[in-house]
Amino acid sequence: MTTRSQHPSSTPVTNSPVKKARKANAAKANAADITARKVLAEKKARKVPAARKARKVPAVRKARKVPAVKKARKVPAVKRVKKARTVLAAVTPEKDLMSHRSYPVTGAGLGLRRALLGPLRSCDPETIGSSISFMEVAPENWINAGGQKKQYLRYFTERFPFVCHGLSLSIGGPSPLDETFISKLGQFMDQYNIRAYSEHLSYCTDNGHLYDLMPIPFTEEAVHYVAGRIRRVQDMIGRRMAIENVSYYAAPGAELSEIDFINAVIAEADCDLLLDVNNIYVNSVNHRYDPLEFLQALPGERIAYGHIAGHYNEAEDLIVDTHGADVISDVWDLLDKAYALFGVFPTLLERDFNIPPVDELLLEVQRIKQIQDKWNRHDRPQTDPKGGLAHARQSSA
């Protein structure tokens, strides 16, 4: 029997590589464990800083105050008119605008005066009708007419188209508008089928009638004042009215030119123009300007009808608009140029004093018609010798 001590395999092996390796591994593991524990302990012991305080986000900035839209700069009436006319002229020629315009009356007319009632009534209707296309009266002289005078008015208004031309409205005067008269005016126009109403761009009252046509100061303030009164009249009579370019002999307190004043009033009031050719000529002499340049600057598209008349030469440089003489050649030439610029518009002869016999008077009315016929032929399409249509060349006489 062998004992343990004698068996070779039972002999303790204290320095075997396995044991050494196991010991080494155990030591390493132990050291690693110790190291891990230390690291863990250090982590636990380390003071973790508190979470950073959230950065204070600034409050939303107060919305920047946007300046209010600047109030539109008030453009003077004259500049507005000039700009509008420049744009209009660039788009459509003046004459083309006029060719599409409708007028309250047509042809050549005559102002009906009391002195003409009997002579015209006794004339051959065909003779009168071949010369006169329309007539004009001053409403102040006829609104309250009765008796034979009323019968005369009814006779002529039943045979001719009529317009009326006021004398006493005082559109630029300091006194309030006579609204009683304006109401009667509307009724008068309805009663006799009056087709248009015009007045002078002037004033004739100042705490009473002045019995003359006084010039309105050519200022921006006057433009607004007069335009407002014109709009009021138009509202009351339910029709457009036309204002007449007047003759004047002084221009107190003027800030604008005559042409700028007229154009500004017409534009702001949105009214029509009664184009008085003789007044342009009279003013051109008295105030030394070119009548054709003045004519060209007028708003032709606003013309309702025209006036032509004679005048009195007080001196070489002073003419008075009297309607008491024959129309001179220079004024006839200016009418011809007006038709060349604007096309033919209805035109009326005024004769207030030194009235000749009807036959002589009608010669001047017929001369208006002759000039109109000339320009109507120029405007009318003519047959081209080669076939087709061709417009006659237009030239100013």
Protein backbone atom coordinates (compact mmCIF):
# COMPACT_ATOMS: atom_id res chain seq x y z
CA MET A 1 0.00 0.00 0.00
CA THR A 2 1.33 3.20 -0.98
CA THR A 3 0.86 6.33 1.04
CA ARG A 4 -0.08 9.82 -0.22
CA SER A 5 3.32 11.05 0.40
CA GLN A 6 4.70 8.38 -1.69
CA HIS A 7 2.42 8.84 -4.73
CA PRO A 8 4.12 11.02 -7.28
CA SER A 9 0.99 12.92 -8.19
CA SER A 10 0.18 13.90 -4.69
CA THR A 11 3.35 15.81 -4.18
CA PRO A 12 2.38 19.56 -3.73
CA VAL A 13 3.59 21.77 -6.51
CA THR A 14 3.92 25.22 -5.12
CA ASN A 15 5.70 26.95 -7.99
CA SER A 16 3.79 25.57 -11.00
CA PRO A 17 3.25 28.02 -13.86
CA VAL A 18 -0.52 27.59 -13.64
CA LYS A 19 -0.62 28.64 -10.04
CA LYS A 20 1.69 31.50 -10.73
CA ALA A 21 -0.53 32.58 -13.55
CA ARG A 22 -3.63 32.24 -11.43
CA LYS A 23 -2.04 34.27 -8.68
CA ALA A 24 -0.91 36.87 -11.12
CA ASN A 25 -4.33 37.05 -12.69
CA ALA A 26 -5.98 37.21 -9.30
CA ALA A 27 -3.65 40.00 -8.27
CA LYS A 28 -4.39 41.90 -11.45
CA ALA A 29 -8.08 41.40 -11.01
CA ASN A 30 -7.85 42.53 -7.45
CA ALA A 31 -5.85 45.58 -8.43
CA ALA A 32 -8.28 46.37 -11.22
CA ASP A 33 -11.16 46.00 -8.84
CA ILE A 34 -9.49 48.31 -6.37
CA THR A 35 -8.81 50.81 -9.11
CA ALA A 36 -12.40 50.60 -10.33
CA ARG A 37 -13.69 51.13 -6.81
CA LYS A 38 -11.41 54.14 -6.35
CA VAL A 39 -12.58 55.63 -9.62
CA LEU A 40 -16.18 55.04 -8.64
CA ALA A 41 -15.61 56.55 -5.24
CA GLU A 42 -13.91 59.55 -6.75
CA LYS A 43 -16.79 60.04 -9.12
CA LYS A 44 -19.24 59.92 -6.26
CA ALA A 45 -17.14 62.23 -4.21
CA ARG A 46 -16.60 64.69 -7.04
CA LYS A 47 -19.03 67.59 -6.78
CA VAL A 48 -21.08 67.79 -9.90
CA PRO A 49 -21.69 71.47 -10.76
CA ALA A 50 -25.28 72.52 -10.84
CA ALA A 51 -26.80 72.85 -14.27
CA ARG A 52 -25.92 76.13 -15.75
CA LYS A 53 -28.51 78.70 -15.25
CA ALA A 54 -30.39 79.09 -18.45
CA ARG A 55 -29.13 82.07 -20.28
CA LYS A 56 -31.56 84.81 -19.87
CA VAL A 57 -33.10 85.33 -23.23
CA PRO A 58 -33.83 88.98 -23.65
CA ALA A 59 -37.45 89.81 -23.94
CA VAL A 60 -38.67 90.23 -27.44
CA ARG A 61 -37.53 93.57 -28.52
CA LYS A 62 -40.22 96.15 -28.61
CA ALA A 63 -41.37 96.48 -32.14
CA ARG A 64 -39.64 99.38 -33.72
CA LYS A 65 -42.09 102.16 -34.16
CA VAL A 66 -42.76 102.48 -37.82
CA PRO A 67 -43.27 106.09 -38.70
CA ALA A 68 -46.75 106.86 -39.89
CA VAL A 69 -47.15 107.18 -43.62
CA LYS A 70 -46.31 110.70 -44.51
CA LYS A 71 -49.29 112.78 -45.35
CA ALA A 72 -49.42 113.24 -49.07
CA ARG A 73 -47.90 116.53 -50.01
CA LYS A 74 -50.54 118.83 -51.34
CA VAL A 75 -49.72 119.50 -54.94
CA PRO A 76 -50.82 122.90 -56.16
CA ALA A 77 -53.79 122.79 -58.50
CA VAL A 78 -51.78 124.30 -61.33
CA LYS A 79 -49.11 121.56 -61.17
CA ARG A 80 -51.79 118.87 -61.09
CA VAL A 81 -53.41 120.30 -64.20
CA LYS A 82 -50.13 120.65 -66.08
CA LYS A 83 -49.14 117.07 -65.25
CA ALA A 84 -52.54 115.71 -66.28
CA ARG A 85 -52.50 117.64 -69.53
CA THR A 86 -48.94 116.47 -70.29
CA VAL A 87 -49.93 112.83 -69.79
CA LEU A 88 -53.12 113.32 -71.79
CA ALA A 89 -51.29 114.95 -74.67
CA ALA A 90 -48.74 112.15 -74.76
CA VAL A 91 -51.47 109.54 -75.03
CA THR A 92 -54.07 111.16 -77.29
CA PRO A 93 -53.75 114.13 -79.64
CA GLU A 94 -56.08 117.01 -78.78
CA LYS A 95 -57.92 116.85 -82.08
CA ASP A 96 -58.59 113.12 -81.70
CA LEU A 97 -60.08 113.75 -78.27
CA MET A 98 -62.39 116.39 -79.73
CA SER A 99 -63.54 114.13 -82.54
CA HIS A 100 -65.17 111.83 -79.97
CA ARG A 101 -66.75 114.63 -77.94
CA SER A 102 -70.49 115.25 -77.99
CA TYR A 103 -71.73 118.83 -77.73
CA PRO A 104 -75.02 120.15 -76.37
CA VAL A 105 -75.65 121.90 -79.70
CA THR A 106 -74.01 121.99 -83.14
CA GLY A 107 -73.24 124.45 -85.90
CA ALA A 108 -73.37 128.26 -85.84
CA GLY A 109 -75.55 130.18 -83.40
CA LEU A 110 -76.80 133.65 -82.57
CA GLY A 111 -77.46 135.35 -79.27
CA LEU A 112 -81.15 136.22 -78.99
CA ARG A 113 -81.56 139.84 -77.87
CA ARG A 114 -84.82 141.73 -77.28
CA ALA A 115 -84.08 143.99 -80.24
CA LEU A 116 -83.98 140.90 -82.48
CA LEU A 117 -87.29 139.37 -81.43
CA GLY A 118 -89.50 141.16 -83.93
CA PRO A 119 -87.08 141.17 -86.89
CA LEU A 120 -86.26 137.47 -86.52
CA ARG A 121 -89.90 136.55 -86.01
CA SER A 122 -90.87 138.29 -89.25
CA CYS A 123 -88.09 136.70 -91.31
CA ASP A 124 -88.62 133.72 -93.54
CA PRO A 125 -88.15 130.66 -91.29
CA GLU A 126 -86.19 128.82 -93.99
CA THR A 127 -83.76 131.73 -94.35
CA ILE A 128 -83.15 131.83 -90.62
CA GLY A 129 -82.99 128.06 -90.33
CA SER A 130 -80.36 127.77 -93.06
CA SER A 131 -78.06 130.18 -91.16
CA ILE A 132 -78.78 129.67 -87.47
CA SER A 133 -78.35 126.25 -85.84
CA PHE A 134 -78.93 127.30 -82.21
CA MET A 135 -79.61 130.34 -80.03
CA GLU A 136 -78.54 131.65 -76.64
CA VAL A 137 -80.30 133.75 -74.02
CA ALA A 138 -79.34 135.32 -70.71
CA PRO A 139 -81.57 133.52 -68.18
CA GLU A 140 -81.82 136.57 -65.89
CA ASN A 141 -83.69 138.38 -68.68
CA TRP A 142 -86.17 135.59 -69.34
CA ILE A 143 -86.86 133.57 -66.17
CA ASN A 144 -89.73 135.82 -65.08
CA ALA A 145 -90.88 136.70 -68.60
CA GLY A 146 -94.58 136.89 -69.25
CA GLY A 147 -96.98 138.06 -71.91
CA GLN A 148 -95.67 138.63 -75.42
CA LYS A 149 -92.05 138.20 -74.38
CA LYS A 150 -92.81 134.73 -73.07
CA GLN A 151 -94.65 133.90 -76.30
CA TYR A 152 -91.60 134.94 -78.31
CA LEU A 153 -89.36 132.75 -76.20
CA ARG A 154 -91.71 129.79 -76.63
CA TYR A 155 -91.79 130.37 -80.39
CA PHE A 156 -88.02 130.27 -80.77
CA THR A 157 -87.30 127.48 -78.26
CA GLU A 158 -89.75 125.26 -80.15
CA ARG A 159 -87.81 125.82 -83.38
CA PHE A 160 -84.17 126.01 -82.29
CA PRO A 161 -81.95 124.29 -79.74
CA PHE A 162 -81.06 126.75 -76.95
CA VAL A 163 -78.26 127.35 -74.47
CA CYS A 164 -78.22 130.03 -71.77
CA HIS A 165 -75.38 132.32 -70.73
CA GLY A 166 -75.57 133.87 -67.28
CA LEU A 167 -74.78 137.46 -66.36
CA SER A 168 -75.22 137.79 -62.60
CA LEU A 169 -74.28 134.56 -60.82
CA SER A 170 -71.00 136.17 -59.67
CA ILE A 171 -69.24 132.83 -59.42
CA GLY A 172 -66.10 134.42 -57.97
CA GLY A 173 -67.78 136.99 -55.75
CA PRO A 174 -67.51 137.27 -51.94
CA SER A 175 -71.27 137.06 -51.39
CA PRO A 176 -73.00 133.69 -50.90
CA LEU A 177 -74.42 132.11 -54.02
CA ASP A 178 -77.98 133.14 -54.82
CA GLU A 179 -79.49 129.68 -54.44
CA THR A 180 -83.01 130.96 -55.02
CA PHE A 181 -81.94 132.11 -58.47
CA ILE A 182 -80.08 128.83 -59.11
CA SER A 183 -83.22 126.83 -58.30
CA LYS A 184 -85.25 128.98 -60.71
CA LEU A 185 -82.51 128.53 -63.30
CA GLY A 186 -82.86 124.75 -63.16
CA GLN A 187 -86.63 125.03 -63.57
CA PHE A 188 -86.23 127.47 -66.46
CA MET A 189 -83.88 125.09 -68.27
CA ASP A 190 -86.34 122.23 -67.82
CA GLN A 191 -89.30 124.31 -68.95
CA TYR A 192 -87.72 125.39 -72.24
CA ASN A 193 -85.45 122.40 -72.82
CA ILE A 194 -82.29 124.51 -72.51
CA ARG A 195 -79.33 122.27 -73.34
CA ALA A 196 -76.45 123.99 -71.55
CA TYR A 197 -75.63 126.69 -69.01
CA SER A 198 -72.55 128.88 -68.96
CA GLU A 199 -71.28 131.78 -66.86
CA HIS A 200 -68.36 134.21 -66.81
CA LEU A 201 -65.26 133.33 -64.80
CA SER A 202 -65.53 136.62 -62.92
CA TYR A 203 -67.62 138.32 -60.25
CA CYS A 204 -70.13 141.14 -60.37
CA THR A 205 -71.34 141.57 -56.79
CA ASP A 206 -69.92 143.01 -53.56
CA ASN A 207 -72.73 143.88 -51.17
CA GLY A 208 -74.80 144.59 -54.25
CA HIS A 209 -74.45 144.41 -58.04
CA LEU A 210 -71.47 146.15 -59.59
CA TYR A 211 -72.97 146.05 -63.10
CA ASP A 212 -69.65 144.98 -64.58
CA LEU A 213 -67.61 141.81 -64.81
CA MET A 214 -64.68 142.08 -62.40
CA PRO A 215 -61.56 139.87 -62.62
CA ILE A 216 -61.05 137.23 -59.96
CA PRO A 217 -57.53 137.32 -58.41
CA PHE A 218 -55.41 134.63 -60.06
CA THR A 219 -54.45 132.75 -56.87
CA GLU A 220 -54.51 129.18 -55.56
CA GLU A 221 -56.97 130.22 -52.86
CA ALA A 222 -59.32 131.63 -55.50
CA VAL A 223 -59.04 128.40 -57.52
CA HIS A 224 -60.36 126.35 -54.60
CA TYR A 225 -63.03 128.91 -53.71
CA VAL A 226 -64.42 129.26 -57.23
CA ALA A 227 -64.23 125.54 -58.00
CA GLY A 228 -66.28 124.78 -54.88
CA ARG A 229 -68.97 127.24 -55.93
CA ILE A 230 -69.11 125.82 -59.45
CA ARG A 231 -69.57 122.30 -58.06
CA ARG A 232 -72.41 123.57 -55.90
CA VAL A 233 -74.18 125.11 -58.90
CA GLN A 234 -73.76 121.94 -60.93
CA ASP A 235 -75.22 119.88 -58.11
CA MET A 236 -78.23 122.17 -57.80
CA ILE A 237 -79.14 122.35 -61.49
CA GLY A 238 -78.28 118.70 -62.12
CA ARG A 239 -76.12 119.58 -65.14
CA ARG A 240 -72.57 120.47 -65.99
CA MET A 241 -71.90 124.16 -66.45
CA ALA A 242 -69.32 125.88 -68.62
CA ILE A 243 -67.22 128.85 -67.57
CA GLU A 244 -66.14 131.52 -70.04
CA ASN A 245 -62.64 132.94 -70.32
CA VAL A 246 -63.35 136.63 -69.81
CA SER A 247 -61.70 139.85 -70.94
CA TYR A 248 -60.07 141.81 -68.12
CA TYR A 249 -58.07 145.01 -67.85
CA ALA A 250 -56.16 144.52 -64.61
CA ALA A 251 -55.04 141.51 -62.56
CA PRO A 252 -54.84 142.57 -58.90
CA GLY A 253 -52.99 140.23 -56.55
CA ALA A 254 -52.15 137.73 -59.28
CA GLU A 255 -50.00 134.76 -58.24
CA LEU A 256 -50.76 132.65 -61.31
CA SER A 257 -50.98 133.38 -65.00
CA GLU A 258 -54.41 133.73 -66.59
CA ILE A 259 -54.12 130.42 -68.45
CA ASP A 260 -52.95 128.52 -65.36
CA PHE A 261 -55.83 129.95 -63.34
CA ILE A 262 -58.46 129.00 -65.92
CA ASN A 263 -57.12 125.47 -66.35
CA ALA A 264 -56.86 124.90 -62.59
CA VAL A 265 -60.46 126.01 -61.97
CA ILE A 266 -61.81 123.81 -64.76
CA ALA A 267 -59.88 120.78 -63.52
CA GLU A 268 -60.80 121.16 -59.84
CA ALA A 269 -64.46 122.00 -60.51
CA ASP A 270 -64.74 119.32 -63.22
CA CYS A 271 -66.72 121.69 -65.41
CA ASP A 272 -66.70 122.69 -69.08
CA LEU A 273 -65.30 125.64 -71.00
CA LEU A 274 -67.11 128.28 -73.01
CA LEU A 275 -64.29 129.35 -75.33
CA ASP A 276 -64.59 133.03 -76.19
CA VAL A 277 -62.22 133.63 -79.12
CA ASN A 278 -62.61 137.41 -79.10
CA ASN A 279 -61.70 137.60 -75.41
CA ILE A 280 -58.44 135.76 -76.10
CA TYR A 281 -57.58 138.30 -78.79
CA VAL A 282 -58.56 141.29 -76.61
CA ASN A 283 -56.48 140.06 -73.67
CA SER A 284 -53.52 139.22 -75.90
CA VAL A 285 -53.35 142.86 -76.99
CA ASN A 286 -54.04 144.38 -73.57
CA HIS A 287 -51.65 142.09 -71.71
CA ARG A 288 -49.15 141.46 -74.49
CA TYR A 289 -49.13 137.72 -75.00
CA ASP A 290 -49.35 135.39 -77.99
CA PRO A 291 -53.04 134.51 -78.54
CA LEU A 292 -52.19 131.27 -80.35
CA GLU A 293 -49.98 130.03 -77.50
CA PHE A 294 -52.80 130.81 -75.08
CA LEU A 295 -55.29 128.98 -77.27
CA GLN A 296 -53.04 125.93 -77.50
CA ALA A 297 -52.79 125.74 -73.70
CA LEU A 298 -56.56 125.52 -73.15
CA PRO A 299 -58.21 122.14 -72.41
CA GLY A 300 -59.91 121.58 -75.78
CA GLU A 301 -61.59 118.42 -74.54
CA ARG A 302 -63.61 120.59 -72.12
CA ILE A 303 -65.10 122.93 -74.73
CA ALA A 304 -68.91 123.00 -74.64
CA TYR A 305 -69.30 125.71 -77.27
CA GLY A 306 -67.69 128.98 -78.33
CA HIS A 307 -68.30 132.71 -78.65
CA ILE A 308 -67.11 135.18 -81.25
CA ALA A 309 -67.79 138.92 -81.26
CA GLY A 310 -66.55 142.39 -82.18
CA HIS A 311 -64.80 144.92 -79.95
CA TYR A 312 -63.77 148.55 -79.67
CA ASN A 313 -60.20 149.82 -80.06
CA GLU A 314 -59.72 152.42 -77.33
CA ALA A 315 -56.02 152.79 -78.20
CA GLU A 316 -53.29 150.87 -79.97
CA ASP A 317 -52.60 148.88 -76.82
CA LEU A 318 -56.10 148.88 -75.30
CA ILE A 319 -59.15 147.03 -76.63
CA VAL A 320 -62.56 146.93 -74.95
CA ASP A 321 -64.80 143.90 -75.43
CA THR A 322 -68.10 145.53 -76.39
CA HIS A 323 -69.96 143.10 -78.69
CA GLY A 324 -70.92 146.23 -80.57
CA ALA A 325 -69.05 145.90 -83.88
CA ASP A 326 -68.32 143.46 -86.67
CA VAL A 327 -65.81 140.68 -86.03
CA ILE A 328 -62.37 141.67 -87.33
CA SER A 329 -60.19 139.46 -89.55
CA ASP A 330 -57.66 138.66 -86.80
CA VAL A 331 -60.43 137.18 -84.66
CA TRP A 332 -61.81 135.18 -87.60
CA ASP A 333 -58.28 133.82 -88.16
CA LEU A 334 -58.05 132.85 -84.49
CA LEU A 335 -61.36 130.97 -84.74
CA ASP A 336 -60.00 129.13 -87.76
CA LYS A 337 -56.91 128.14 -85.77
CA ALA A 338 -59.11 126.99 -82.89
CA TYR A 339 -60.90 124.59 -85.25
CA ALA A 340 -57.52 123.44 -86.55
CA LEU A 341 -56.40 122.67 -83.01
CA PHE A 342 -59.56 121.24 -81.48
CA GLY A 343 -61.81 120.32 -84.36
CA VAL A 344 -65.10 122.06 -85.09
CA PHE A 345 -67.13 123.03 -82.03
CA PRO A 346 -70.46 124.93 -81.93
CA THR A 347 -69.83 128.67 -82.08
CA LEU A 348 -72.18 131.58 -81.46
CA LEU A 349 -72.08 135.21 -82.60
CA GLU A 350 -72.68 137.81 -79.85
CA ARG A 351 -74.01 141.22 -80.84
CA ASP A 352 -75.33 143.44 -78.05
CA PHE A 353 -75.11 147.00 -79.42
CA ASN A 354 -75.24 148.72 -82.80
CA ILE A 355 -77.18 145.74 -84.10
CA PRO A 356 -77.36 145.82 -87.91
CA PRO A 357 -80.29 144.60 -90.01
CA VAL A 358 -80.92 140.88 -89.74
CA ASP A 359 -79.61 140.17 -93.24
CA GLU A 360 -76.25 141.72 -92.39
CA LEU A 361 -76.11 140.02 -89.02
CA LEU A 362 -76.75 136.64 -90.57
CA LEU A 363 -73.77 137.10 -92.87
CA GLU A 364 -71.46 136.80 -89.87
CA VAL A 365 -73.33 133.74 -88.61
CA GLN A 366 -72.94 132.24 -92.09
CA ARG A 367 -69.22 132.99 -92.01
CA ILE A 368 -68.92 130.87 -88.86
CA LYS A 369 -70.68 128.08 -90.71
CA GLN A 370 -68.38 128.44 -93.72
CA ILE A 371 -65.26 128.00 -91.57
CA GLN A 372 -66.87 125.04 -89.85
CA ASP A 373 -67.75 123.47 -93.20
CA LYS A 374 -64.17 123.86 -94.36
CA TRP A 375 -62.83 121.96 -91.37
CA ASN A 376 -65.61 119.39 -91.50
CA ARG A 377 -64.54 118.61 -95.08
CA HIS A 378 -60.96 118.30 -93.90
CA ASP A 379 -61.99 115.88 -91.17
CA ARG A 380 -64.29 113.84 -93.39
CA PRO A 381 -62.75 110.74 -95.07
CA GLN A 382 -62.31 111.38 -98.78
CA THR A 383 -62.05 108.91 -101.63
CA ASP A 384 -58.49 108.15 -102.70
CA PRO A 385 -58.06 108.26 -106.52
CA LYS A 386 -56.30 104.90 -106.27
CA GLY A 387 -59.20 103.42 -104.38
CA GLY A 388 -60.03 103.18 -100.70
CA LEU A 389 -60.29 106.05 -98.23
CA ALA A 390 -57.79 108.72 -97.34
CA HIS A 391 -58.15 111.56 -94.84
CA ALA A 392 -57.65 115.04 -96.20
CA ARG A 393 -54.51 116.72 -94.95
CA GLN A 394 -55.26 119.22 -92.23
CA SER A 395 -53.52 122.56 -92.28
CA SER A 396 -54.05 125.75 -90.36
CA ALA A 397 -55.12 128.73 -92.39
